Amino acid sequence: MPANRRSGLVTDPIPYASLGVEVLNPDVSAAEFAQGWRAMPLRYRLQMWLVIPFVMVMQFFGGTRRLLSPEIEMSDLPSATDERYADHEFTEHAERAFGGERDERLLAALSELIGTRSAERIDVAVVYGAGHVPAIVRGLFELHGYRPRAAEWLTVLER
């Protein structure tokens, strides 16, 4: 889409296999994502399909820049907005379809690492989008009692 090309976002095909470290990829396949999408009630899928044309039109009028502006942030701490929408059925289904299975698989892979390599001093990098961080942090706390002490965020976009 031309608007996306103007945004300055690029893909970075990192050659993970050539990094010389173990790489795990606990992500879902396209077929598994499609299965999760179909599990969402039809009325919510229809709502998503009805919104997509408006989102695409917004892309042509600076929507990407607004979406990626400094005012948009991701936090792993609960907010008033999270509380307000926490019980909304649509939000629950959308989060499940777009992140739930991915987050669960990542947490399972991290738990496996904790179980098998926790005696070693190793660095673990999680290459996922910021939208997954709250679930990961919450999951590591609930499953293993881990609390963040420090974090390093990689800025993928500067204006």
C-alpha atoms as a PDB file:
ATOM      1  CA  MET A   1       0.000   0.000   0.000  1.00  0.00           C
ATOM      2  CA  PRO A   2       1.570   3.356  -0.978  1.00  0.00           C
ATOM      3  CA  ALA A   3       0.747   4.967   2.359  1.00  0.00           C
ATOM      4  CA  ASN A   4       2.662   2.234   4.156  1.00  0.00           C
ATOM      5  CA  ARG A   5       5.712   2.730   1.907  1.00  0.00           C
ATOM      6  CA  ARG A   6       5.721   6.439   2.798  1.00  0.00           C
ATOM      7  CA  SER A   7       5.632   5.610   6.513  1.00  0.00           C
ATOM      8  CA  GLY A   8       9.302   4.616   6.482  1.00  0.00           C
ATOM      9  CA  LEU A   9       8.630   1.191   7.962  1.00  0.00           C
ATOM     10  CA  VAL A  10      10.772  -1.543   6.465  1.00  0.00           C
ATOM     11  CA  THR A  11      11.161  -5.252   7.040  1.00  0.00           C
ATOM     12  CA  ASP A  12      14.443  -6.486   8.402  1.00  0.00           C
ATOM     13  CA  PRO A  13      14.956 -10.107   7.366  1.00  0.00           C
ATOM     14  CA  ILE A  14      17.261 -11.062  10.217  1.00  0.00           C
ATOM     15  CA  PRO A  15      19.170 -14.266   9.358  1.00  0.00           C
ATOM     16  CA  TYR A  16      18.507 -15.892  12.731  1.00  0.00           C
ATOM     17  CA  ALA A  17      20.062 -19.219  11.716  1.00  0.00           C
ATOM     18  CA  SER A  18      23.413 -17.513  11.045  1.00  0.00           C
ATOM     19  CA  LEU A  19      23.610 -15.830  14.490  1.00  0.00           C
ATOM     20  CA  GLY A  20      25.321 -18.815  16.063  1.00  0.00           C
ATOM     21  CA  VAL A  21      22.766 -19.150  18.871  1.00  0.00           C
ATOM     22  CA  GLU A  22      19.812 -21.406  19.489  1.00  0.00           C
ATOM     23  CA  VAL A  23      16.654 -19.929  17.970  1.00  0.00           C
ATOM     24  CA  LEU A  24      13.175 -21.014  18.993  1.00  0.00           C
ATOM     25  CA  ASN A  25      10.107 -20.089  16.979  1.00  0.00           C
ATOM     26  CA  PRO A  26       7.002 -20.934  19.010  1.00  0.00           C
ATOM     27  CA  ASP A  27       4.714 -18.931  16.712  1.00  0.00           C
ATOM     28  CA  VAL A  28       1.476 -20.098  15.117  1.00  0.00           C
ATOM     29  CA  SER A  29       1.198 -21.050  11.466  1.00  0.00           C
ATOM     30  CA  ALA A  30      -1.124 -19.273   9.038  1.00  0.00           C
ATOM     31  CA  ALA A  31      -3.503 -22.246   9.230  1.00  0.00           C
ATOM     32  CA  GLU A  32      -3.527 -22.101  13.040  1.00  0.00           C
ATOM     33  CA  PHE A  33      -4.189 -18.366  12.957  1.00  0.00           C
ATOM     34  CA  ALA A  34      -7.060 -18.961  10.519  1.00  0.00           C
ATOM     35  CA  GLN A  35      -8.489 -21.562  12.879  1.00  0.00           C
ATOM     36  CA  GLY A  36      -8.351 -19.078  15.774  1.00  0.00           C
ATOM     37  CA  TRP A  37      -9.951 -16.408  13.582  1.00  0.00           C
ATOM     38  CA  ARG A  38     -12.812 -18.774  12.700  1.00  0.00           C
ATOM     39  CA  ALA A  39     -13.322 -19.515  16.399  1.00  0.00           C
ATOM     40  CA  MET A  40     -14.265 -15.861  16.908  1.00  0.00           C
ATOM     41  CA  PRO A  41     -18.056 -15.395  16.732  1.00  0.00           C
ATOM     42  CA  LEU A  42     -19.261 -14.364  13.287  1.00  0.00           C
ATOM     43  CA  ARG A  43     -20.657 -11.018  14.469  1.00  0.00           C
ATOM     44  CA  TYR A  44     -17.187  -9.944  15.656  1.00  0.00           C
ATOM     45  CA  ARG A  45     -15.476 -11.092  12.483  1.00  0.00           C
ATOM     46  CA  LEU A  46     -18.031  -9.093  10.501  1.00  0.00           C
ATOM     47  CA  GLN A  47     -17.324  -6.026  12.655  1.00  0.00           C
ATOM     48  CA  MET A  48     -13.620  -6.378  11.895  1.00  0.00           C
ATOM     49  CA  TRP A  49     -14.294  -6.707   8.155  1.00  0.00           C
ATOM     50  CA  LEU A  50     -16.527  -3.604   8.262  1.00  0.00           C
ATOM     51  CA  VAL A  51     -13.811  -1.543   9.962  1.00  0.00           C
ATOM     52  CA  ILE A  52     -10.995  -2.563   7.589  1.00  0.00           C
ATOM     53  CA  PRO A  53     -12.067  -0.244   4.698  1.00  0.00           C
ATOM     54  CA  PHE A  54     -12.071   2.767   7.048  1.00  0.00           C
ATOM     55  CA  VAL A  55      -8.630   1.840   8.373  1.00  0.00           C
ATOM     56  CA  MET A  56      -7.286   1.545   4.828  1.00  0.00           C
ATOM     57  CA  VAL A  57      -8.679   4.968   3.880  1.00  0.00           C
ATOM     58  CA  MET A  58      -7.100   6.462   7.013  1.00  0.00           C
ATOM     59  CA  GLN A  59      -3.739   5.034   5.892  1.00  0.00           C
ATOM     60  CA  PHE A  60      -3.865   7.357   2.882  1.00  0.00           C
ATOM     61  CA  PHE A  61      -4.446  10.397   5.082  1.00  0.00           C
ATOM     62  CA  GLY A  62      -1.650  10.002   7.599  1.00  0.00           C
ATOM     63  CA  GLY A  63      -3.217   7.267   9.688  1.00  0.00           C
ATOM     64  CA  THR A  64       0.053   5.367   9.974  1.00  0.00           C
ATOM     65  CA  ARG A  65       1.846   8.411  11.354  1.00  0.00           C
ATOM     66  CA  ARG A  66      -0.929   8.974  13.878  1.00  0.00           C
ATOM     67  CA  LEU A  67      -0.887   5.316  14.865  1.00  0.00           C
ATOM     68  CA  LEU A  68       2.897   5.374  15.317  1.00  0.00           C
ATOM     69  CA  SER A  69       3.059   8.785  16.980  1.00  0.00           C
ATOM     70  CA  PRO A  70       4.832   9.332  20.307  1.00  0.00           C
ATOM     71  CA  GLU A  71       1.444   9.660  22.025  1.00  0.00           C
ATOM     72  CA  ILE A  72       0.791   5.969  21.373  1.00  0.00           C
ATOM     73  CA  GLU A  73       2.523   3.823  23.943  1.00  0.00           C
ATOM     74  CA  MET A  74       2.579   0.255  25.156  1.00  0.00           C
ATOM     75  CA  SER A  75       2.808  -0.455  28.859  1.00  0.00           C
ATOM     76  CA  ASP A  76       2.828  -3.691  30.785  1.00  0.00           C
ATOM     77  CA  LEU A  77       1.057  -1.982  33.690  1.00  0.00           C
ATOM     78  CA  PRO A  78      -2.748  -2.030  33.823  1.00  0.00           C
ATOM     79  CA  SER A  79      -4.445   1.214  32.853  1.00  0.00           C
ATOM     80  CA  ALA A  80      -7.898   2.677  33.365  1.00  0.00           C
ATOM     81  CA  THR A  81      -8.611   1.900  29.699  1.00  0.00           C
ATOM     82  CA  ASP A  82      -7.720  -1.759  30.245  1.00  0.00           C
ATOM     83  CA  GLU A  83     -10.100  -1.929  33.187  1.00  0.00           C
ATOM     84  CA  ARG A  84     -12.882  -0.222  31.247  1.00  0.00           C
ATOM     85  CA  TYR A  85     -12.689  -2.742  28.384  1.00  0.00           C
ATOM     86  CA  ALA A  86     -11.552  -5.800  30.337  1.00  0.00           C
ATOM     87  CA  ASP A  87     -14.999  -7.426  30.381  1.00  0.00           C
ATOM     88  CA  HIS A  88     -15.966  -6.594  26.823  1.00  0.00           C
ATOM     89  CA  GLU A  89     -16.584  -9.815  24.920  1.00  0.00           C
ATOM     90  CA  PHE A  90     -15.314  -8.439  21.591  1.00  0.00           C
ATOM     91  CA  THR A  91     -11.988  -7.426  23.154  1.00  0.00           C
ATOM     92  CA  GLU A  92     -11.553 -10.855  24.690  1.00  0.00           C
ATOM     93  CA  HIS A  93     -12.191 -12.619  21.375  1.00  0.00           C
ATOM     94  CA  ALA A  94      -9.926 -10.238  19.437  1.00  0.00           C
ATOM     95  CA  GLU A  95      -7.091 -10.622  21.939  1.00  0.00           C
ATOM     96  CA  ARG A  96      -7.464 -14.382  21.781  1.00  0.00           C
ATOM     97  CA  ALA A  97      -7.448 -14.455  17.971  1.00  0.00           C
ATOM     98  CA  PHE A  98      -4.554 -12.029  17.525  1.00  0.00           C
ATOM     99  CA  GLY A  99      -2.343 -12.866  20.470  1.00  0.00           C
ATOM    100  CA  GLY A 100      -3.615 -15.497  22.865  1.00  0.00           C
ATOM    101  CA  GLU A 101      -2.237 -18.639  21.235  1.00  0.00           C
ATOM    102  CA  ARG A 102       1.015 -16.880  20.282  1.00  0.00           C
ATOM    103  CA  ASP A 103       1.496 -15.646  23.849  1.00  0.00           C
ATOM    104  CA  GLU A 104       0.728 -19.074  25.301  1.00  0.00           C
ATOM    105  CA  ARG A 105       3.251 -20.749  23.005  1.00  0.00           C
ATOM    106  CA  LEU A 106       5.907 -18.196  23.845  1.00  0.00           C
ATOM    107  CA  LEU A 107       5.277 -18.657  27.562  1.00  0.00           C
ATOM    108  CA  ALA A 108       5.508 -22.433  27.136  1.00  0.00           C
ATOM    109  CA  ALA A 109       8.855 -22.060  25.324  1.00  0.00           C
ATOM    110  CA  LEU A 110      10.153 -19.698  28.025  1.00  0.00           C
ATOM    111  CA  SER A 111       8.961 -22.102  30.732  1.00  0.00           C
ATOM    112  CA  GLU A 112      10.826 -24.918  28.985  1.00  0.00           C
ATOM    113  CA  LEU A 113      13.986 -22.789  28.992  1.00  0.00           C
ATOM    114  CA  ILE A 114      13.502 -22.002  32.668  1.00  0.00           C
ATOM    115  CA  GLY A 115      13.037 -25.692  33.450  1.00  0.00           C
ATOM    116  CA  THR A 116      16.035 -26.925  31.471  1.00  0.00           C
ATOM    117  CA  ARG A 117      18.559 -24.093  31.544  1.00  0.00           C
ATOM    118  CA  SER A 118      17.850 -21.985  34.620  1.00  0.00           C
ATOM    119  CA  ALA A 119      21.164 -23.066  36.186  1.00  0.00           C
ATOM    120  CA  GLU A 120      23.066 -21.495  33.268  1.00  0.00           C
ATOM    121  CA  ARG A 121      23.773 -17.825  32.758  1.00  0.00           C
ATOM    122  CA  ILE A 122      22.180 -17.150  29.380  1.00  0.00           C
ATOM    123  CA  ASP A 123      20.669 -14.199  27.578  1.00  0.00           C
ATOM    124  CA  VAL A 124      17.216 -14.639  26.093  1.00  0.00           C
ATOM    125  CA  ALA A 125      15.884 -12.251  23.492  1.00  0.00           C
ATOM    126  CA  VAL A 126      12.178 -12.192  22.723  1.00  0.00           C
ATOM    127  CA  VAL A 127      11.532 -10.860  19.226  1.00  0.00           C
ATOM    128  CA  TYR A 128       7.808 -10.120  19.424  1.00  0.00           C
ATOM    129  CA  GLY A 129       5.826  -6.931  19.083  1.00  0.00           C
ATOM    130  CA  ALA A 130       5.191  -4.702  22.070  1.00  0.00           C
ATOM    131  CA  GLY A 131       1.557  -5.767  22.184  1.00  0.00           C
ATOM    132  CA  HIS A 132       2.648  -9.151  23.513  1.00  0.00           C
ATOM    133  CA  VAL A 133       4.783  -7.803  26.370  1.00  0.00           C
ATOM    134  CA  PRO A 134       2.034  -7.390  28.995  1.00  0.00           C
ATOM    135  CA  ALA A 135       0.901 -11.003  28.576  1.00  0.00           C
ATOM    136  CA  ILE A 136       4.504 -12.253  28.682  1.00  0.00           C
ATOM    137  CA  VAL A 137       5.369 -10.272  31.809  1.00  0.00           C
ATOM    138  CA  ARG A 138       2.129 -11.316  33.506  1.00  0.00           C
ATOM    139  CA  GLY A 139       2.642 -14.960  32.487  1.00  0.00           C
ATOM    140  CA  LEU A 140       6.224 -15.115  33.766  1.00  0.00           C
ATOM    141  CA  PHE A 141       5.081 -13.651  37.082  1.00  0.00           C
ATOM    142  CA  GLU A 142       2.103 -15.986  37.451  1.00  0.00           C
ATOM    143  CA  LEU A 143       3.934 -19.147  36.339  1.00  0.00           C
ATOM    144  CA  HIS A 144       7.376 -18.590  37.837  1.00  0.00           C
ATOM    145  CA  GLY A 145       7.199 -15.612  40.192  1.00  0.00           C
ATOM    146  CA  TYR A 146       9.453 -13.545  37.919  1.00  0.00           C
ATOM    147  CA  ARG A 147       9.359  -9.789  38.212  1.00  0.00           C
ATOM    148  CA  PRO A 148      11.005  -7.395  35.780  1.00  0.00           C
ATOM    149  CA  ARG A 149      14.184  -5.851  37.162  1.00  0.00           C
ATOM    150  CA  ALA A 150      15.378  -4.239  33.986  1.00  0.00           C
ATOM    151  CA  ALA A 151      14.385  -4.201  30.349  1.00  0.00           C
ATOM    152  CA  GLU A 152      15.905  -3.129  27.105  1.00  0.00           C
ATOM    153  CA  TRP A 153      13.555  -1.895  24.414  1.00  0.00           C
ATOM    154  CA  LEU A 154      14.654  -1.654  20.833  1.00  0.00           C
ATOM    155  CA  THR A 155      13.279   1.373  19.033  1.00  0.00           C
ATOM    156  CA  VAL A 156      12.099   0.260  15.620  1.00  0.00           C
ATOM    157  CA  LEU A 157      10.799   3.625  14.455  1.00  0.00           C
ATOM    158  CA  GLU A 158      11.956   7.192  14.839  1.00  0.00           C
ATOM    159  CA  ARG A 159      10.273  10.232  13.408  1.00  0.00           C
END
